Amino acid sequence: MGRLQLGRKYTPQENADIVAFLKTLTGEQPQILLPLLPPSADSTKRPAPFD
């Protein structure tokens, strides 16, 4: 991410420090619930850019 998104190169020691930090994080991942959408049909109105 640092190289691709920020254009920065990290040293092997910096990479190890980042990994060590990430391994200290605890807790449960938040649960992401996606809404249930009604089924679409050929008669379903489409958004304007997709007409």
PDB file of N, CA and C in Angstrom:
ATOM      1  N   MET A   1       0.828  -1.180   0.000  1.00  0.00           N
ATOM      2  CA  MET A   1       0.000   0.000   0.000  1.00  0.00           C
ATOM      3  C   MET A   1       0.875   1.247   0.000  1.00  0.00           C
ATOM      4  N   GLY A   2       1.914   1.245   0.824  1.00  0.00           N
ATOM      5  CA  GLY A   2       2.776   2.419   0.877  1.00  0.00           C
ATOM      6  C   GLY A   2       3.432   2.702  -0.462  1.00  0.00           C
ATOM      7  N   ARG A   3       3.864   1.651  -1.130  1.00  0.00           N
ATOM      8  CA  ARG A   3       4.527   1.834  -2.418  1.00  0.00           C
ATOM      9  C   ARG A   3       3.535   2.191  -3.508  1.00  0.00           C
ATOM     10  N   LEU A   4       2.427   1.471  -3.570  1.00  0.00           N
ATOM     11  CA  LEU A   4       1.473   1.681  -4.660  1.00  0.00           C
ATOM     12  C   LEU A   4       0.643   2.943  -4.494  1.00  0.00           C
ATOM     13  N   GLN A   5       0.209   3.233  -3.266  1.00  0.00           N
ATOM     14  CA  GLN A   5      -0.675   4.372  -3.065  1.00  0.00           C
ATOM     15  C   GLN A   5       0.051   5.646  -2.663  1.00  0.00           C
ATOM     16  N   LEU A   6       1.181   5.496  -1.974  1.00  0.00           N
ATOM     17  CA  LEU A   6       1.893   6.673  -1.492  1.00  0.00           C
ATOM     18  C   LEU A   6       3.201   6.924  -2.228  1.00  0.00           C
ATOM     19  N   GLY A   7       3.628   5.943  -3.039  1.00  0.00           N
ATOM     20  CA  GLY A   7       4.884   6.095  -3.769  1.00  0.00           C
ATOM     21  C   GLY A   7       6.108   6.070  -2.865  1.00  0.00           C
ATOM     22  N   ARG A   8       5.997   5.378  -1.725  1.00  0.00           N
ATOM     23  CA  ARG A   8       7.101   5.335  -0.769  1.00  0.00           C
ATOM     24  C   ARG A   8       7.645   3.926  -0.656  1.00  0.00           C
ATOM     25  N   LYS A   9       8.961   3.806  -0.597  1.00  0.00           N
ATOM     26  CA  LYS A   9       9.593   2.511  -0.373  1.00  0.00           C
ATOM     27  C   LYS A   9       9.952   2.399   1.104  1.00  0.00           C
ATOM     28  N   TYR A  10       9.673   1.242   1.683  1.00  0.00           N
ATOM     29  CA  TYR A  10       9.978   1.000   3.084  1.00  0.00           C
ATOM     30  C   TYR A  10      11.159   0.051   3.196  1.00  0.00           C
ATOM     31  N   THR A  11      11.964   0.268   4.206  1.00  0.00           N
ATOM     32  CA  THR A  11      13.100  -0.626   4.448  1.00  0.00           C
ATOM     33  C   THR A  11      12.583  -1.922   5.045  1.00  0.00           C
ATOM     34  N   PRO A  12      13.378  -2.977   4.997  1.00  0.00           N
ATOM     35  CA  PRO A  12      12.951  -4.224   5.644  1.00  0.00           C
ATOM     36  C   PRO A  12      12.638  -4.019   7.135  1.00  0.00           C
ATOM     37  N   GLN A  13      13.388  -3.151   7.816  1.00  0.00           N
ATOM     38  CA  GLN A  13      13.123  -2.897   9.230  1.00  0.00           C
ATOM     39  C   GLN A  13      11.785  -2.180   9.416  1.00  0.00           C
ATOM     40  N   GLU A  14      11.476  -1.221   8.546  1.00  0.00           N
ATOM     41  CA  GLU A  14      10.184  -0.539   8.631  1.00  0.00           C
ATOM     42  C   GLU A  14       9.041  -1.518   8.389  1.00  0.00           C
ATOM     43  N   ASN A  15       9.209  -2.416   7.416  1.00  0.00           N
ATOM     44  CA  ASN A  15       8.185  -3.441   7.160  1.00  0.00           C
ATOM     45  C   ASN A  15       7.992  -4.313   8.391  1.00  0.00           C
ATOM     46  N   ALA A  16       9.092  -4.729   9.012  1.00  0.00           N
ATOM     47  CA  ALA A  16       9.003  -5.571  10.207  1.00  0.00           C
ATOM     48  C   ALA A  16       8.316  -4.819  11.337  1.00  0.00           C
ATOM     49  N   ASP A  17       8.607  -3.527  11.481  1.00  0.00           N
ATOM     50  CA  ASP A  17       7.961  -2.731  12.527  1.00  0.00           C
ATOM     51  C   ASP A  17       6.458  -2.618  12.291  1.00  0.00           C
ATOM     52  N   ILE A  18       6.067  -2.424  11.056  1.00  0.00           N
ATOM     53  CA  ILE A  18       4.640  -2.328  10.725  1.00  0.00           C
ATOM     54  C   ILE A  18       3.939  -3.649  11.018  1.00  0.00           C
ATOM     55  N   VAL A  19       4.553  -4.755  10.611  1.00  0.00           N
ATOM     56  CA  VAL A  19       3.965  -6.076  10.866  1.00  0.00           C
ATOM     57  C   VAL A  19       3.860  -6.329  12.363  1.00  0.00           C
ATOM     58  N   ALA A  20       4.903  -5.981  13.122  1.00  0.00           N
ATOM     59  CA  ALA A  20       4.869  -6.171  14.581  1.00  0.00           C
ATOM     60  C   ALA A  20       3.735  -5.358  15.199  1.00  0.00           C
ATOM     61  N   PHE A  21       3.552  -4.130  14.736  1.00  0.00           N
ATOM     62  CA  PHE A  21       2.460  -3.308  15.253  1.00  0.00           C
ATOM     63  C   PHE A  21       1.110  -3.933  14.929  1.00  0.00           C
ATOM     64  N   LEU A  22       0.920  -4.350  13.694  1.00  0.00           N
ATOM     65  CA  LEU A  22      -0.374  -4.915  13.299  1.00  0.00           C
ATOM     66  C   LEU A  22      -0.701  -6.172  14.101  1.00  0.00           C
ATOM     67  N   LYS A  23       0.315  -6.936  14.470  1.00  0.00           N
ATOM     68  CA  LYS A  23       0.074  -8.153  15.250  1.00  0.00           C
ATOM     69  C   LYS A  23      -0.330  -7.852  16.684  1.00  0.00           C
ATOM     70  N   THR A  24      -0.125  -6.615  17.147  1.00  0.00           N
ATOM     71  CA  THR A  24      -0.540  -6.264  18.507  1.00  0.00           C
ATOM     72  C   THR A  24      -2.019  -5.903  18.585  1.00  0.00           C
ATOM     73  N   LEU A  25      -2.644  -5.643  17.445  1.00  0.00           N
ATOM     74  CA  LEU A  25      -4.046  -5.248  17.435  1.00  0.00           C
ATOM     75  C   LEU A  25      -4.920  -6.439  17.785  1.00  0.00           C
ATOM     76  N   THR A  26      -5.863  -6.211  18.661  1.00  0.00           N
ATOM     77  CA  THR A  26      -6.755  -7.287  19.083  1.00  0.00           C
ATOM     78  C   THR A  26      -8.198  -6.840  18.917  1.00  0.00           C
ATOM     79  N   GLY A  27      -9.090  -7.746  19.149  1.00  0.00           N
ATOM     80  CA  GLY A  27     -10.509  -7.440  19.056  1.00  0.00           C
ATOM     81  C   GLY A  27     -11.132  -8.198  17.906  1.00  0.00           C
ATOM     82  N   GLU A  28     -12.425  -8.091  17.854  1.00  0.00           N
ATOM     83  CA  GLU A  28     -13.153  -8.781  16.789  1.00  0.00           C
ATOM     84  C   GLU A  28     -13.383  -7.838  15.629  1.00  0.00           C
ATOM     85  N   GLN A  29     -13.350  -8.400  14.439  1.00  0.00           N
ATOM     86  CA  GLN A  29     -13.646  -7.627  13.240  1.00  0.00           C
ATOM     87  C   GLN A  29     -15.101  -7.181  13.296  1.00  0.00           C
ATOM     88  N   PRO A  30     -15.390  -5.947  12.908  1.00  0.00           N
ATOM     89  CA  PRO A  30     -16.795  -5.537  12.862  1.00  0.00           C
ATOM     90  C   PRO A  30     -17.543  -6.339  11.799  1.00  0.00           C
ATOM     91  N   GLN A  31     -18.765  -6.669  12.106  1.00  0.00           N
ATOM     92  CA  GLN A  31     -19.582  -7.416  11.161  1.00  0.00           C
ATOM     93  C   GLN A  31     -20.279  -6.432  10.234  1.00  0.00           C
ATOM     94  N   ILE A  32     -20.147  -6.660   8.952  1.00  0.00           N
ATOM     95  CA  ILE A  32     -20.771  -5.790   7.960  1.00  0.00           C
ATOM     96  C   ILE A  32     -21.990  -6.510   7.397  1.00  0.00           C
ATOM     97  N   LEU A  33     -23.142  -5.931   7.603  1.00  0.00           N
ATOM     98  CA  LEU A  33     -24.377  -6.520   7.087  1.00  0.00           C
ATOM     99  C   LEU A  33     -24.835  -5.736   5.869  1.00  0.00           C
ATOM    100  N   LEU A  34     -24.961  -6.411   4.757  1.00  0.00           N
ATOM    101  CA  LEU A  34     -25.437  -5.775   3.535  1.00  0.00           C
ATOM    102  C   LEU A  34     -26.955  -5.841   3.497  1.00  0.00           C
ATOM    103  N   PRO A  35     -27.598  -4.813   2.986  1.00  0.00           N
ATOM    104  CA  PRO A  35     -29.062  -4.843   2.937  1.00  0.00           C
ATOM    105  C   PRO A  35     -29.555  -5.873   1.919  1.00  0.00           C
ATOM    106  N   LEU A  36     -30.705  -6.437   2.201  1.00  0.00           N
ATOM    107  CA  LEU A  36     -31.337  -7.352   1.256  1.00  0.00           C
ATOM    108  C   LEU A  36     -32.195  -6.520   0.309  1.00  0.00           C
ATOM    109  N   LEU A  37     -31.883  -6.572  -0.954  1.00  0.00           N
ATOM    110  CA  LEU A  37     -32.613  -5.791  -1.946  1.00  0.00           C
ATOM    111  C   LEU A  37     -33.663  -6.647  -2.621  1.00  0.00           C
ATOM    112  N   PRO A  38     -34.751  -6.042  -3.051  1.00  0.00           N
ATOM    113  CA  PRO A  38     -35.767  -6.828  -3.759  1.00  0.00           C
ATOM    114  C   PRO A  38     -35.204  -7.281  -5.103  1.00  0.00           C
ATOM    115  N   PRO A  39     -35.705  -8.394  -5.618  1.00  0.00           N
ATOM    116  CA  PRO A  39     -35.209  -8.869  -6.908  1.00  0.00           C
ATOM    117  C   PRO A  39     -35.558  -7.906  -8.041  1.00  0.00           C
ATOM    118  N   SER A  40     -34.708  -7.872  -9.039  1.00  0.00           N
ATOM    119  CA  SER A  40     -34.957  -7.038 -10.221  1.00  0.00           C
ATOM    120  C   SER A  40     -35.650  -7.862 -11.290  1.00  0.00           C
ATOM    121  N   ALA A  41     -36.364  -7.172 -12.152  1.00  0.00           N
ATOM    122  CA  ALA A  41     -37.023  -7.812 -13.290  1.00  0.00           C
ATOM    123  C   ALA A  41     -36.814  -6.922 -14.508  1.00  0.00           C
ATOM    124  N   ASP A  42     -37.241  -7.391 -15.669  1.00  0.00           N
ATOM    125  CA  ASP A  42     -37.097  -6.582 -16.887  1.00  0.00           C
ATOM    126  C   ASP A  42     -37.854  -5.260 -16.770  1.00  0.00           C
ATOM    127  N   SER A  43     -38.904  -5.241 -15.949  1.00  0.00           N
ATOM    128  CA  SER A  43     -39.712  -4.015 -15.804  1.00  0.00           C
ATOM    129  C   SER A  43     -39.161  -3.070 -14.732  1.00  0.00           C
ATOM    130  N   THR A  44     -38.094  -3.470 -14.052  1.00  0.00           N
ATOM    131  CA  THR A  44     -37.506  -2.620 -13.007  1.00  0.00           C
ATOM    132  C   THR A  44     -36.908  -1.369 -13.645  1.00  0.00           C
ATOM    133  N   LYS A  45     -37.275  -0.218 -13.105  1.00  0.00           N
ATOM    134  CA  LYS A  45     -36.760   1.036 -13.640  1.00  0.00           C
ATOM    135  C   LYS A  45     -35.250   1.096 -13.425  1.00  0.00           C
ATOM    136  N   ARG A  46     -34.520   1.511 -14.454  1.00  0.00           N
ATOM    137  CA  ARG A  46     -33.058   1.596 -14.402  1.00  0.00           C
ATOM    138  C   ARG A  46     -32.637   3.027 -14.137  1.00  0.00           C
ATOM    139  N   PRO A  47     -31.485   3.233 -13.494  1.00  0.00           N
ATOM    140  CA  PRO A  47     -30.970   4.598 -13.320  1.00  0.00           C
ATOM    141  C   PRO A  47     -30.733   5.265 -14.676  1.00  0.00           C
ATOM    142  N   ALA A  48     -30.824   6.574 -14.731  1.00  0.00           N
ATOM    143  CA  ALA A  48     -30.727   7.319 -15.982  1.00  0.00           C
ATOM    144  C   ALA A  48     -29.466   7.007 -16.797  1.00  0.00           C
ATOM    145  N   PRO A  49     -28.276   6.928 -16.199  1.00  0.00           N
ATOM    146  CA  PRO A  49     -27.099   6.667 -17.049  1.00  0.00           C
ATOM    147  C   PRO A  49     -27.107   5.264 -17.679  1.00  0.00           C
ATOM    148  N   PHE A  50     -27.957   4.360 -17.179  1.00  0.00           N
ATOM    149  CA  PHE A  50     -27.962   2.992 -17.672  1.00  0.00           C
ATOM    150  C   PHE A  50     -29.163   2.666 -18.537  1.00  0.00           C
ATOM    151  N   ASP A  51     -29.942   3.668 -18.919  1.00  0.00           N
ATOM    152  CA  ASP A  51     -31.121   3.422 -19.767  1.00  0.00           C
ATOM    153  C   ASP A  51     -30.724   2.898 -21.118  1.00  0.00           C
TER     154      ASP A  51
END
